């Protein structure tokens, strides 16, 4: 894991939870943010609710105070199963108001820290938008597939080395 040179100028409340421990507000925030970024902003009509959230761990970055907290970033972590042997990071996003401040790097650092602590011997992979290969490469991920189309957006599987 590589340390980021950028640090978000804001303090974030980090929440790392399995699905069963999420509050209704967290589920709403998660689904609303994923819809806003992946469906509306990227103009990509696909079934985001894919049946995998219930078995996943979820990382939230909230900004603000008290009842005024808003979701700034999110990702989910899927555990190995009968089809995939790696821990998989997915649905990585920062909301519009929190882009360009290094939150993506901080989120990935947080996620990797939790993954290594909970599943120390697991390999880690992610399905990245192709233009983000250098970003994920800075954290030790290398392409493990060819670039391919996923709902109209070039993607590549990457695996930590």
Protein backbone atom coordinates (compact mmCIF):
# COMPACT_ATOMS: atom_id res chain seq x y z
CA UNK A 1 0.00 0.00 0.00
CA UNK A 2 1.33 3.43 -0.95
CA UNK A 3 0.80 6.52 1.18
CA UNK A 4 -0.95 9.35 -0.59
CA UNK A 5 0.66 12.78 -0.74
CA UNK A 6 -2.74 14.43 -0.71
CA UNK A 7 -4.77 14.74 2.46
CA UNK A 8 -8.34 15.93 2.39
CA UNK A 9 -8.61 19.38 4.02
CA UNK A 10 -11.77 18.27 5.82
CA UNK A 11 -12.28 15.84 8.65
CA UNK A 12 -14.30 12.81 7.69
CA UNK A 13 -16.21 10.36 9.80
CA UNK A 14 -15.28 6.91 8.53
CA UNK A 15 -17.83 4.13 8.89
CA UNK A 16 -16.84 0.54 8.06
CA UNK A 17 -19.73 -1.90 8.43
CA UNK A 18 -21.24 -5.11 7.16
CA UNK A 19 -24.63 -4.64 5.50
CA UNK A 20 -26.59 -6.03 8.46
CA UNK A 21 -25.30 -3.17 10.63
CA UNK A 22 -26.15 -0.33 8.23
CA UNK A 23 -28.84 2.12 9.27
CA UNK A 24 -31.70 2.93 6.94
CA UNK A 25 -30.13 6.37 6.40
CA UNK A 26 -26.80 4.82 5.41
CA UNK A 27 -28.50 2.48 2.93
CA UNK A 28 -30.43 5.41 1.48
CA UNK A 29 -27.26 7.55 1.23
CA UNK A 30 -25.35 4.66 -0.40
CA UNK A 31 -28.00 3.96 -3.02
CA UNK A 32 -28.65 7.64 -3.72
CA UNK A 33 -24.93 8.35 -4.24
CA UNK A 34 -24.41 5.31 -6.44
CA UNK A 35 -27.43 6.28 -8.53
CA UNK A 36 -26.26 9.90 -8.84
CA UNK A 37 -22.71 8.98 -9.89
CA UNK A 38 -23.00 5.73 -11.84
CA UNK A 39 -26.45 6.01 -13.41
CA UNK A 40 -27.23 9.73 -13.82
CA UNK A 41 -23.79 11.41 -14.05
CA UNK A 42 -22.21 8.68 -16.18
CA UNK A 43 -25.42 8.26 -18.19
CA UNK A 44 -25.28 4.50 -17.70
CA UNK A 45 -28.53 2.64 -17.23
CA UNK A 46 -27.75 -0.58 -15.37
CA UNK A 47 -28.99 -2.55 -12.38
CA UNK A 48 -26.94 -1.14 -9.52
CA UNK A 49 -28.89 -3.15 -6.97
CA UNK A 50 -27.27 -6.46 -7.88
CA UNK A 51 -27.90 -8.65 -4.85
CA UNK A 52 -24.29 -8.35 -3.63
CA UNK A 53 -24.66 -5.58 -1.04
CA UNK A 54 -26.05 -7.88 1.68
CA UNK A 55 -22.84 -9.92 1.79
CA UNK A 56 -20.50 -6.94 1.43
CA UNK A 57 -18.72 -4.61 3.82
CA UNK A 58 -19.30 -0.91 3.19
CA UNK A 59 -17.02 2.07 3.75
CA UNK A 60 -18.60 5.50 4.11
CA UNK A 61 -16.88 8.88 4.42
CA UNK A 62 -19.22 11.46 5.93
CA UNK A 63 -18.48 15.18 6.17
CA UNK A 64 -20.16 17.77 8.35
CA UNK A 65 -21.45 18.03 11.87
CA UNK A 66 -24.41 16.54 13.72
CA UNK A 67 -27.52 16.12 11.58
CA UNK A 68 -25.90 18.02 8.70
CA UNK A 69 -23.57 15.19 7.74
CA UNK A 70 -23.48 14.32 4.08
CA UNK A 71 -21.98 11.38 2.27
CA UNK A 72 -18.71 12.45 0.65
CA UNK A 73 -17.39 9.06 -0.46
CA UNK A 74 -18.31 5.41 -0.54
CA UNK A 75 -17.10 1.98 -1.63
CA UNK A 76 -18.03 -1.63 -0.99
CA UNK A 77 -15.92 -4.72 -0.43
CA UNK A 78 -17.09 -8.13 -1.62
CA UNK A 79 -15.70 -11.20 0.09
CA UNK A 80 -14.36 -14.29 -1.68
CA UNK A 81 -17.05 -16.76 -2.72
CA UNK A 82 -17.45 -19.87 -4.84
CA UNK A 83 -16.85 -17.85 -8.05
CA UNK A 84 -14.18 -15.35 -6.96
CA UNK A 85 -11.21 -16.09 -4.73
CA UNK A 86 -10.16 -12.45 -4.19
CA UNK A 87 -11.58 -9.78 -1.92
CA UNK A 88 -13.03 -7.27 -4.40
CA UNK A 89 -13.31 -3.51 -4.03
CA UNK A 90 -16.12 -1.91 -5.99
CA UNK A 91 -18.59 0.94 -6.40
CA UNK A 92 -15.84 3.42 -5.48
CA UNK A 93 -17.13 6.99 -5.64
CA UNK A 94 -16.74 10.50 -4.34
CA UNK A 95 -19.74 12.77 -4.50
CA UNK A 96 -19.51 15.89 -6.64
CA UNK A 97 -18.93 18.36 -3.80
CA UNK A 98 -15.92 16.41 -2.50
CA UNK A 99 -13.89 15.77 -5.63
CA UNK A 100 -10.38 17.04 -6.20
CA UNK A 101 -9.36 17.05 -2.52
CA UNK A 102 -7.69 13.63 -2.28
CA UNK A 103 -10.69 11.86 -0.78
CA UNK A 104 -10.43 8.98 -3.26
CA UNK A 105 -6.90 8.25 -2.08
CA UNK A 106 -7.90 8.49 1.57
CA UNK A 107 -10.84 6.17 0.94
CA UNK A 108 -8.70 3.56 -0.75
CA UNK A 109 -6.12 3.77 2.05
CA UNK A 110 -8.89 3.24 4.63
CA UNK A 111 -10.34 0.31 2.69
CA UNK A 112 -6.98 -1.41 2.23
CA UNK A 113 -6.18 -0.96 5.92
CA UNK A 114 -9.47 -2.66 6.91
CA UNK A 115 -9.09 -5.44 4.34
CA UNK A 116 -5.53 -6.30 5.37
CA UNK A 117 -6.56 -6.30 9.05
CA UNK A 118 -9.67 -8.49 8.58
CA UNK A 119 -8.44 -10.76 5.77
CA UNK A 120 -4.62 -10.61 5.96
CA UNK A 121 -3.93 -13.38 3.46
CA UNK A 122 -6.51 -12.46 0.83
CA UNK A 123 -5.59 -11.19 -2.61
CA UNK A 124 -7.43 -8.00 -3.56
CA UNK A 125 -8.86 -7.08 -6.94
CA UNK A 126 -11.05 -4.36 -8.36
CA UNK A 127 -12.89 -3.59 -11.58
CA UNK A 128 -11.62 -0.13 -12.51
CA UNK A 129 -12.67 2.33 -15.15
CA UNK A 130 -9.74 2.14 -17.55
CA UNK A 131 -8.76 5.81 -17.19
CA UNK A 132 -8.11 5.22 -13.45
CA UNK A 133 -5.36 2.62 -13.91
CA UNK A 134 -2.61 5.00 -12.79
CA UNK A 135 -4.60 5.99 -9.69
CA UNK A 136 -5.06 2.36 -8.59
CA UNK A 137 -1.54 1.52 -9.74
CA UNK A 138 -0.21 3.92 -7.10
CA UNK A 139 -1.71 1.54 -4.51
CA UNK A 140 -0.03 -1.55 -5.95
CA UNK A 141 -2.73 -2.71 -8.35
CA UNK A 142 -1.78 -3.98 -11.81
CA UNK A 143 -4.06 -4.85 -14.74
CA UNK A 144 -5.13 -8.50 -14.72
CA UNK A 145 -7.36 -8.35 -17.80
CA UNK A 146 -7.62 -6.58 -21.11
CA UNK A 147 -9.59 -3.35 -21.28
CA UNK A 148 -13.20 -4.19 -22.06
CA UNK A 149 -16.57 -2.51 -22.31
CA UNK A 150 -18.83 -2.58 -19.26
CA UNK A 151 -22.12 -0.78 -19.88
CA UNK A 152 -20.50 1.54 -22.42
CA UNK A 153 -17.50 2.47 -20.23
CA UNK A 154 -13.99 0.99 -20.73
CA UNK A 155 -13.01 -1.06 -17.66
CA UNK A 156 -10.10 -3.27 -16.62
CA UNK A 157 -9.72 -5.81 -13.82
CA UNK A 158 -6.80 -4.97 -11.57
CA UNK A 159 -5.18 -7.03 -8.81
CA UNK A 160 -2.87 -6.05 -5.97
CA UNK A 161 0.65 -7.36 -6.32
